[in-house]
């Protein structure tokens, strides 16, 4: 590669893992107002995010230290829908599993520059971007090279701001930068929060859904106090939802805990969402008319309006 070449390389397509046909059976779901009632909870005091500086991308981390709550699925599908509708989006995968690359059909084993580059060689951050099959959507790949990076950086001054420094040259080129965070509150996640204007919190509508959210709220307040005073919450979204009494009760608890932050609709459990990564395509390409495709389209439109991308991109 030419040392002066800053063009975005086309990433090689990943080999599909499986090619299996699934059968989807749609079931009727109650309206949001009909969800089950739960005992009243004291609302968590989470600050609203401030507006983005003019001429720079809004940086949003999708975060919940609990695994398996559809963080990566949300990042992939929200980013895709917004990009299809004219928003310039950059996805940054901060998880060493690198599932974002798989979801976009990119072979991460052939990637030379990735998220680690942003944190260790910020001068090469422009090279870390890779094109996807979706116009207006670029990806910075996370992979196994992120394993152990916390131990390497523990003695470095300003280690919490490394990702922020790496992102600085990229901010003028995008409308939105979405960060997929690992299921922990370690140094990589702290870097994501310091670099972000806001967070989006996916909450699974199952018991233990609110487990640890008080800790996350405390972390956000601590980051605001010590490292990033502009950080706030843009949205709490409900994922993996089913029309059962249990899910309805948990959804009611989420609404009571975050009365002003919940963004609808809840994302229903859907077999098309589960199978889309095996084809290396987002749900909007794989099965846009499925329940998952419709839910993520509606959620993305709500977030698009919240972030103010509608007027300038329509």
Protein backbone atom coordinates (compact mmCIF):
# COMPACT_ATOMS: atom_id res chain seq x y z
CA UNK A 1 0.00 0.00 0.00
CA UNK A 2 1.23 3.49 -0.87
CA UNK A 3 2.08 5.33 2.37
CA UNK A 4 0.22 8.43 1.10
CA UNK A 5 -2.85 6.52 -0.05
CA UNK A 6 -5.83 7.37 2.19
CA UNK A 7 -8.55 5.83 0.00
CA UNK A 8 -10.96 3.37 1.58
CA UNK A 9 -10.15 -0.22 0.56
CA UNK A 10 -12.84 -2.66 -0.42
CA UNK A 11 -12.86 -5.40 2.21
CA UNK A 12 -12.92 -8.97 0.94
CA UNK A 13 -16.26 -10.74 1.37
CA UNK A 14 -16.34 -13.32 4.13
CA UNK A 15 -17.23 -16.93 3.33
CA UNK A 16 -20.75 -17.67 4.52
CA UNK A 17 -20.85 -19.87 7.58
CA UNK A 18 -24.07 -21.68 6.76
CA UNK A 19 -26.93 -21.46 4.29
CA UNK A 20 -30.01 -22.81 5.99
CA UNK A 21 -33.64 -22.02 5.39
CA UNK A 22 -35.73 -21.24 8.47
CA UNK A 23 -39.46 -21.07 8.91
CA UNK A 24 -40.87 -17.94 10.49
CA UNK A 25 -44.25 -17.90 12.16
CA UNK A 26 -45.55 -14.44 12.97
CA UNK A 27 -47.63 -14.08 16.12
CA UNK A 28 -49.79 -11.17 17.05
CA UNK A 29 -48.31 -8.79 19.59
CA UNK A 30 -50.25 -6.51 21.94
CA UNK A 31 -49.97 -2.79 21.51
CA UNK A 32 -47.48 -0.98 23.71
CA UNK A 33 -50.28 0.37 25.93
CA UNK A 34 -51.45 -3.18 26.66
CA UNK A 35 -48.18 -4.46 28.10
CA UNK A 36 -48.41 -5.95 31.57
CA UNK A 37 -48.12 -3.83 34.67
CA UNK A 38 -45.26 -4.04 37.15
CA UNK A 39 -44.55 -2.61 40.55
CA UNK A 40 -43.59 1.05 40.41
CA UNK A 41 -39.83 1.59 40.41
CA UNK A 42 -37.91 4.75 41.19
CA UNK A 43 -36.74 6.25 37.85
CA UNK A 44 -32.99 6.16 37.29
CA UNK A 45 -31.57 9.64 36.95
CA UNK A 46 -29.67 9.58 33.65
CA UNK A 47 -28.61 12.85 31.96
CA UNK A 48 -29.76 13.71 28.47
CA UNK A 49 -27.00 14.04 25.89
CA UNK A 50 -25.99 17.44 24.58
CA UNK A 51 -26.11 18.46 20.92
CA UNK A 52 -23.25 17.59 18.59
CA UNK A 53 -20.75 20.26 17.60
CA UNK A 54 -21.47 21.66 14.13
CA UNK A 55 -19.54 20.04 11.30
CA UNK A 56 -18.72 16.87 13.25
CA UNK A 57 -20.30 13.44 13.46
CA UNK A 58 -22.46 12.51 16.42
CA UNK A 59 -20.61 9.71 18.22
CA UNK A 60 -22.92 7.21 19.92
CA UNK A 61 -21.90 4.10 21.88
CA UNK A 62 -24.37 1.22 22.05
CA UNK A 63 -23.60 -0.14 25.50
CA UNK A 64 -24.78 -2.57 28.16
CA UNK A 65 -22.28 -4.60 30.15
CA UNK A 66 -24.68 -7.54 30.05
CA UNK A 67 -24.01 -9.76 27.04
CA UNK A 68 -26.63 -11.14 24.69
CA UNK A 69 -28.89 -8.07 24.60
CA UNK A 70 -28.56 -7.45 20.83
CA UNK A 71 -26.00 -4.63 20.92
CA UNK A 72 -24.27 -5.79 17.73
CA UNK A 73 -27.56 -6.58 15.98
CA UNK A 74 -28.78 -3.07 16.83
CA UNK A 75 -25.59 -1.40 15.59
CA UNK A 76 -25.61 -3.30 12.29
CA UNK A 77 -29.26 -2.76 11.48
CA UNK A 78 -29.67 0.83 12.66
CA UNK A 79 -26.50 1.81 10.78
CA UNK A 80 -27.70 0.06 7.63
CA UNK A 81 -31.16 1.62 7.63
CA UNK A 82 -29.78 5.12 8.20
CA UNK A 83 -27.12 4.70 5.51
CA UNK A 84 -29.71 3.50 3.00
CA UNK A 85 -31.64 6.68 3.78
CA UNK A 86 -28.71 8.98 3.08
CA UNK A 87 -26.98 9.33 6.46
CA UNK A 88 -23.19 8.97 6.32
CA UNK A 89 -22.39 6.33 8.96
CA UNK A 90 -19.19 4.86 10.36
CA UNK A 91 -19.43 1.74 12.54
CA UNK A 92 -16.60 1.01 14.99
CA UNK A 93 -16.43 -2.49 16.46
CA UNK A 94 -14.73 -2.36 19.87
CA UNK A 95 -15.43 -6.03 20.63
CA UNK A 96 -12.60 -8.54 20.09
CA UNK A 97 -15.13 -11.06 18.72
CA UNK A 98 -15.48 -8.88 15.62
CA UNK A 99 -19.12 -9.78 14.98
CA UNK A 100 -19.85 -6.56 13.11
CA UNK A 101 -17.57 -7.68 10.28
CA UNK A 102 -19.41 -10.99 10.08
CA UNK A 103 -22.77 -9.22 10.03
CA UNK A 104 -21.65 -7.09 7.09
CA UNK A 105 -20.14 -10.04 5.22
CA UNK A 106 -16.50 -8.94 5.64
CA UNK A 107 -13.63 -11.37 6.23
CA UNK A 108 -11.91 -9.84 9.26
CA UNK A 109 -8.93 -12.20 8.94
CA UNK A 110 -7.76 -10.15 5.93
CA UNK A 111 -7.98 -6.76 7.65
CA UNK A 112 -4.69 -5.00 8.37
CA UNK A 113 -5.95 -1.86 10.11
CA UNK A 114 -8.80 -1.92 12.62
CA UNK A 115 -10.05 -0.63 15.95
CA UNK A 116 -6.71 -1.38 17.57
CA UNK A 117 -5.16 1.06 15.07
CA UNK A 118 -7.33 3.88 16.41
CA UNK A 119 -6.05 3.31 19.94
CA UNK A 120 -2.37 2.59 19.25
CA UNK A 121 -1.62 4.45 15.98
CA UNK A 122 -4.09 7.34 15.65
CA UNK A 123 -2.06 8.75 12.75
CA UNK A 124 -3.27 5.76 10.70
CA UNK A 125 -6.95 6.12 11.63
CA UNK A 126 -7.97 7.14 8.10
CA UNK A 127 -6.64 3.81 6.81
CA UNK A 128 -8.65 1.80 9.31
CA UNK A 129 -11.95 2.45 7.49
CA UNK A 130 -13.32 -0.20 5.15
CA UNK A 131 -16.16 0.00 2.69
CA UNK A 132 -19.20 -2.26 3.01
CA UNK A 133 -21.79 -3.38 0.49
CA UNK A 134 -24.02 -0.52 1.68
CA UNK A 135 -23.43 2.94 0.25
CA UNK A 136 -22.67 5.62 2.87
CA UNK A 137 -21.66 2.95 5.42
CA UNK A 138 -18.05 2.24 6.45
CA UNK A 139 -16.70 -0.11 9.09
CA UNK A 140 -13.68 -0.19 11.37
CA UNK A 141 -13.17 -3.83 12.24
CA UNK A 142 -12.63 -5.24 15.71
CA UNK A 143 -10.77 -8.54 16.02
CA UNK A 144 -8.65 -10.69 18.32
CA UNK A 145 -5.89 -8.08 18.32
CA UNK A 146 -8.00 -6.23 20.92
CA UNK A 147 -7.46 -9.08 23.39
CA UNK A 148 -4.93 -7.95 25.97
CA UNK A 149 -4.88 -4.32 24.82
CA UNK A 150 -5.95 -3.18 28.30
CA UNK A 151 -2.83 -4.72 29.84
CA UNK A 152 -0.66 -3.04 27.20
CA UNK A 153 -2.13 0.41 27.81
CA UNK A 154 -2.54 0.30 31.58
CA UNK A 155 0.62 2.34 32.22
CA UNK A 156 0.08 4.82 29.38
CA UNK A 157 -0.81 8.41 30.27
CA UNK A 158 -4.21 9.51 29.00
CA UNK A 159 -5.16 5.91 28.21
CA UNK A 160 -8.88 6.70 28.55
CA UNK A 161 -8.71 9.20 25.65
CA UNK A 162 -6.88 7.10 23.05
CA UNK A 163 -9.98 6.22 21.03
CA UNK A 164 -11.13 9.84 21.13
CA UNK A 165 -7.80 10.96 19.67
CA UNK A 166 -8.00 8.32 16.95
CA UNK A 167 -11.52 9.43 15.98
CA UNK A 168 -10.73 13.12 15.71
CA UNK A 169 -9.63 13.05 12.02
CA UNK A 170 -12.76 11.09 11.07
CA UNK A 171 -15.42 13.30 12.66
CA UNK A 172 -15.82 15.77 9.75
CA UNK A 173 -16.49 12.98 7.24
CA UNK A 174 -19.63 11.41 8.78
CA UNK A 175 -23.02 12.31 10.20
CA UNK A 176 -23.02 9.46 12.72
CA UNK A 177 -20.39 7.21 14.27
CA UNK A 178 -21.86 4.14 16.01
CA UNK A 179 -19.61 2.23 18.43
CA UNK A 180 -20.34 -1.41 19.28
CA UNK A 181 -18.94 -1.97 22.78
CA UNK A 182 -17.81 -5.21 24.49
CA UNK A 183 -19.98 -6.76 27.24
CA UNK A 184 -17.90 -5.26 30.05
CA UNK A 185 -16.97 -1.90 31.56
CA UNK A 186 -13.22 -2.23 31.03
CA UNK A 187 -10.75 0.21 29.50
CA UNK A 188 -12.02 -0.27 25.93
CA UNK A 189 -15.59 0.56 26.97
CA UNK A 190 -14.35 3.55 28.99
CA UNK A 191 -12.53 4.78 25.86
CA UNK A 192 -15.78 4.47 23.91
CA UNK A 193 -17.69 6.49 26.50
CA UNK A 194 -15.04 9.20 26.63
CA UNK A 195 -15.13 9.48 22.82
CA UNK A 196 -18.94 9.59 22.67
CA UNK A 197 -21.51 12.36 22.69
CA UNK A 198 -24.18 9.91 23.84
CA UNK A 199 -25.09 6.31 24.54
CA UNK A 200 -27.93 4.07 23.43
CA UNK A 201 -28.76 1.32 25.93
CA UNK A 202 -30.36 -1.92 24.64
CA UNK A 203 -32.35 -3.72 27.35
CA UNK A 204 -33.63 -7.26 26.87
CA UNK A 205 -37.20 -7.68 28.10
CA UNK A 206 -36.40 -10.58 30.40
CA UNK A 207 -35.80 -10.83 34.13
CA UNK A 208 -32.35 -9.52 35.09
CA UNK A 209 -32.83 -6.93 32.30
CA UNK A 210 -32.33 -4.09 34.76
CA UNK A 211 -29.53 -5.94 36.55
CA UNK A 212 -26.42 -3.81 36.38
CA UNK A 213 -28.11 -0.74 34.86
CA UNK A 214 -27.65 1.13 38.12
CA UNK A 215 -23.93 0.41 37.79
CA UNK A 216 -23.98 1.66 34.19
CA UNK A 217 -25.79 4.81 35.28
CA UNK A 218 -23.16 5.35 37.96
CA UNK A 219 -20.39 4.85 35.38
CA UNK A 220 -21.95 7.41 33.04
CA UNK A 221 -22.16 9.97 35.84
CA UNK A 222 -18.53 9.25 36.80
CA UNK A 223 -17.37 9.67 33.19
CA UNK A 224 -19.25 12.97 32.98
CA UNK A 225 -17.66 14.20 36.19
CA UNK A 226 -14.07 13.20 35.46
CA UNK A 227 -13.52 12.70 31.72
CA UNK A 228 -16.37 13.70 29.39
CA UNK A 229 -18.86 16.30 30.71
CA UNK A 230 -20.95 16.24 27.52
CA UNK A 231 -21.80 12.50 27.73
CA UNK A 232 -25.48 11.66 28.12
CA UNK A 233 -28.15 9.17 27.12
CA UNK A 234 -30.02 9.41 23.81
CA UNK A 235 -32.24 6.35 24.10
CA UNK A 236 -33.10 3.14 25.89
CA UNK A 237 -34.40 0.49 23.50
CA UNK A 238 -36.08 -2.82 24.29
CA UNK A 239 -34.86 -5.92 22.47
CA UNK A 240 -35.69 -9.62 22.12
CA UNK A 241 -39.30 -8.89 23.01
CA UNK A 242 -42.14 -11.42 22.85
CA UNK A 243 -45.88 -11.01 23.49
CA UNK A 244 -45.86 -12.83 26.83
CA UNK A 245 -46.93 -11.69 30.29
CA UNK A 246 -43.33 -11.87 31.52
CA UNK A 247 -41.98 -9.73 28.68
CA UNK A 248 -44.83 -7.28 29.13
CA UNK A 249 -44.10 -6.90 32.84
CA UNK A 250 -40.39 -6.31 32.22
CA UNK A 251 -41.20 -3.81 29.45
CA UNK A 252 -43.42 -1.94 31.92
CA UNK A 253 -40.55 -1.89 34.42
CA UNK A 254 -38.21 -0.46 31.79
CA UNK A 255 -40.68 2.30 30.96
CA UNK A 256 -41.11 3.15 34.65
CA UNK A 257 -37.34 3.20 35.20
CA UNK A 258 -36.59 5.31 32.09
CA UNK A 259 -39.82 7.27 31.60
CA UNK A 260 -38.36 9.85 29.21
CA UNK A 261 -35.70 7.80 27.44
CA UNK A 262 -37.44 4.72 26.00
CA UNK A 263 -37.65 4.82 22.19
CA UNK A 264 -40.24 2.56 20.54
CA UNK A 265 -40.87 0.10 19.09
CA UNK A 266 -39.53 -2.85 21.07
CA UNK A 267 -37.59 -5.23 18.82
CA UNK A 268 -39.49 -8.52 18.66
CA UNK A 269 -37.80 -11.91 18.72
CA UNK A 270 -37.54 -12.91 15.09
CA UNK A 271 -35.95 -15.84 13.28
CA UNK A 272 -34.95 -13.66 10.32
CA UNK A 273 -32.86 -11.48 12.62
CA UNK A 274 -31.14 -14.58 13.97
CA UNK A 275 -30.30 -16.00 10.55
CA UNK A 276 -29.22 -12.76 8.82
CA UNK A 277 -25.59 -12.85 10.13
CA UNK A 278 -25.13 -16.32 8.63
CA UNK A 279 -25.73 -14.73 5.22
CA UNK A 280 -23.46 -11.77 5.98
CA UNK A 281 -26.27 -9.27 5.39
CA UNK A 282 -28.26 -6.85 7.60
CA UNK A 283 -31.96 -7.51 8.08
CA UNK A 284 -32.94 -4.64 5.74
CA UNK A 285 -31.35 -6.56 2.87
CA UNK A 286 -31.97 -10.11 4.03
CA UNK A 287 -35.64 -9.86 5.02
CA UNK A 288 -36.90 -6.26 5.16
CA UNK A 289 -40.57 -7.28 5.48
CA UNK A 290 -40.02 -9.59 8.45
CA UNK A 291 -41.00 -8.55 11.96
CA UNK A 292 -37.34 -7.82 12.73
CA UNK A 293 -36.92 -5.79 9.54
CA UNK A 294 -40.01 -3.72 10.25
CA UNK A 295 -39.11 -3.16 13.90
CA UNK A 296 -35.57 -2.00 13.14
CA UNK A 297 -36.82 0.21 10.31
CA UNK A 298 -39.29 1.91 12.66
CA UNK A 299 -36.71 2.19 15.45
CA UNK A 300 -34.13 3.63 13.05
CA UNK A 301 -36.60 6.21 11.79
CA UNK A 302 -37.34 7.25 15.39
CA UNK A 303 -33.60 7.59 16.12
CA UNK A 304 -33.07 9.46 12.86
CA UNK A 305 -35.64 12.03 13.96
CA UNK A 306 -34.14 12.16 17.46
CA UNK A 307 -30.67 12.83 16.03
CA UNK A 308 -32.00 15.41 13.56
CA UNK A 309 -30.83 13.70 10.37
CA UNK A 310 -34.20 13.87 8.63
CA UNK A 311 -34.22 17.30 7.04
CA UNK A 312 -30.67 17.45 5.72
CA UNK A 313 -30.67 13.92 4.31
CA UNK A 314 -34.11 13.73 2.72
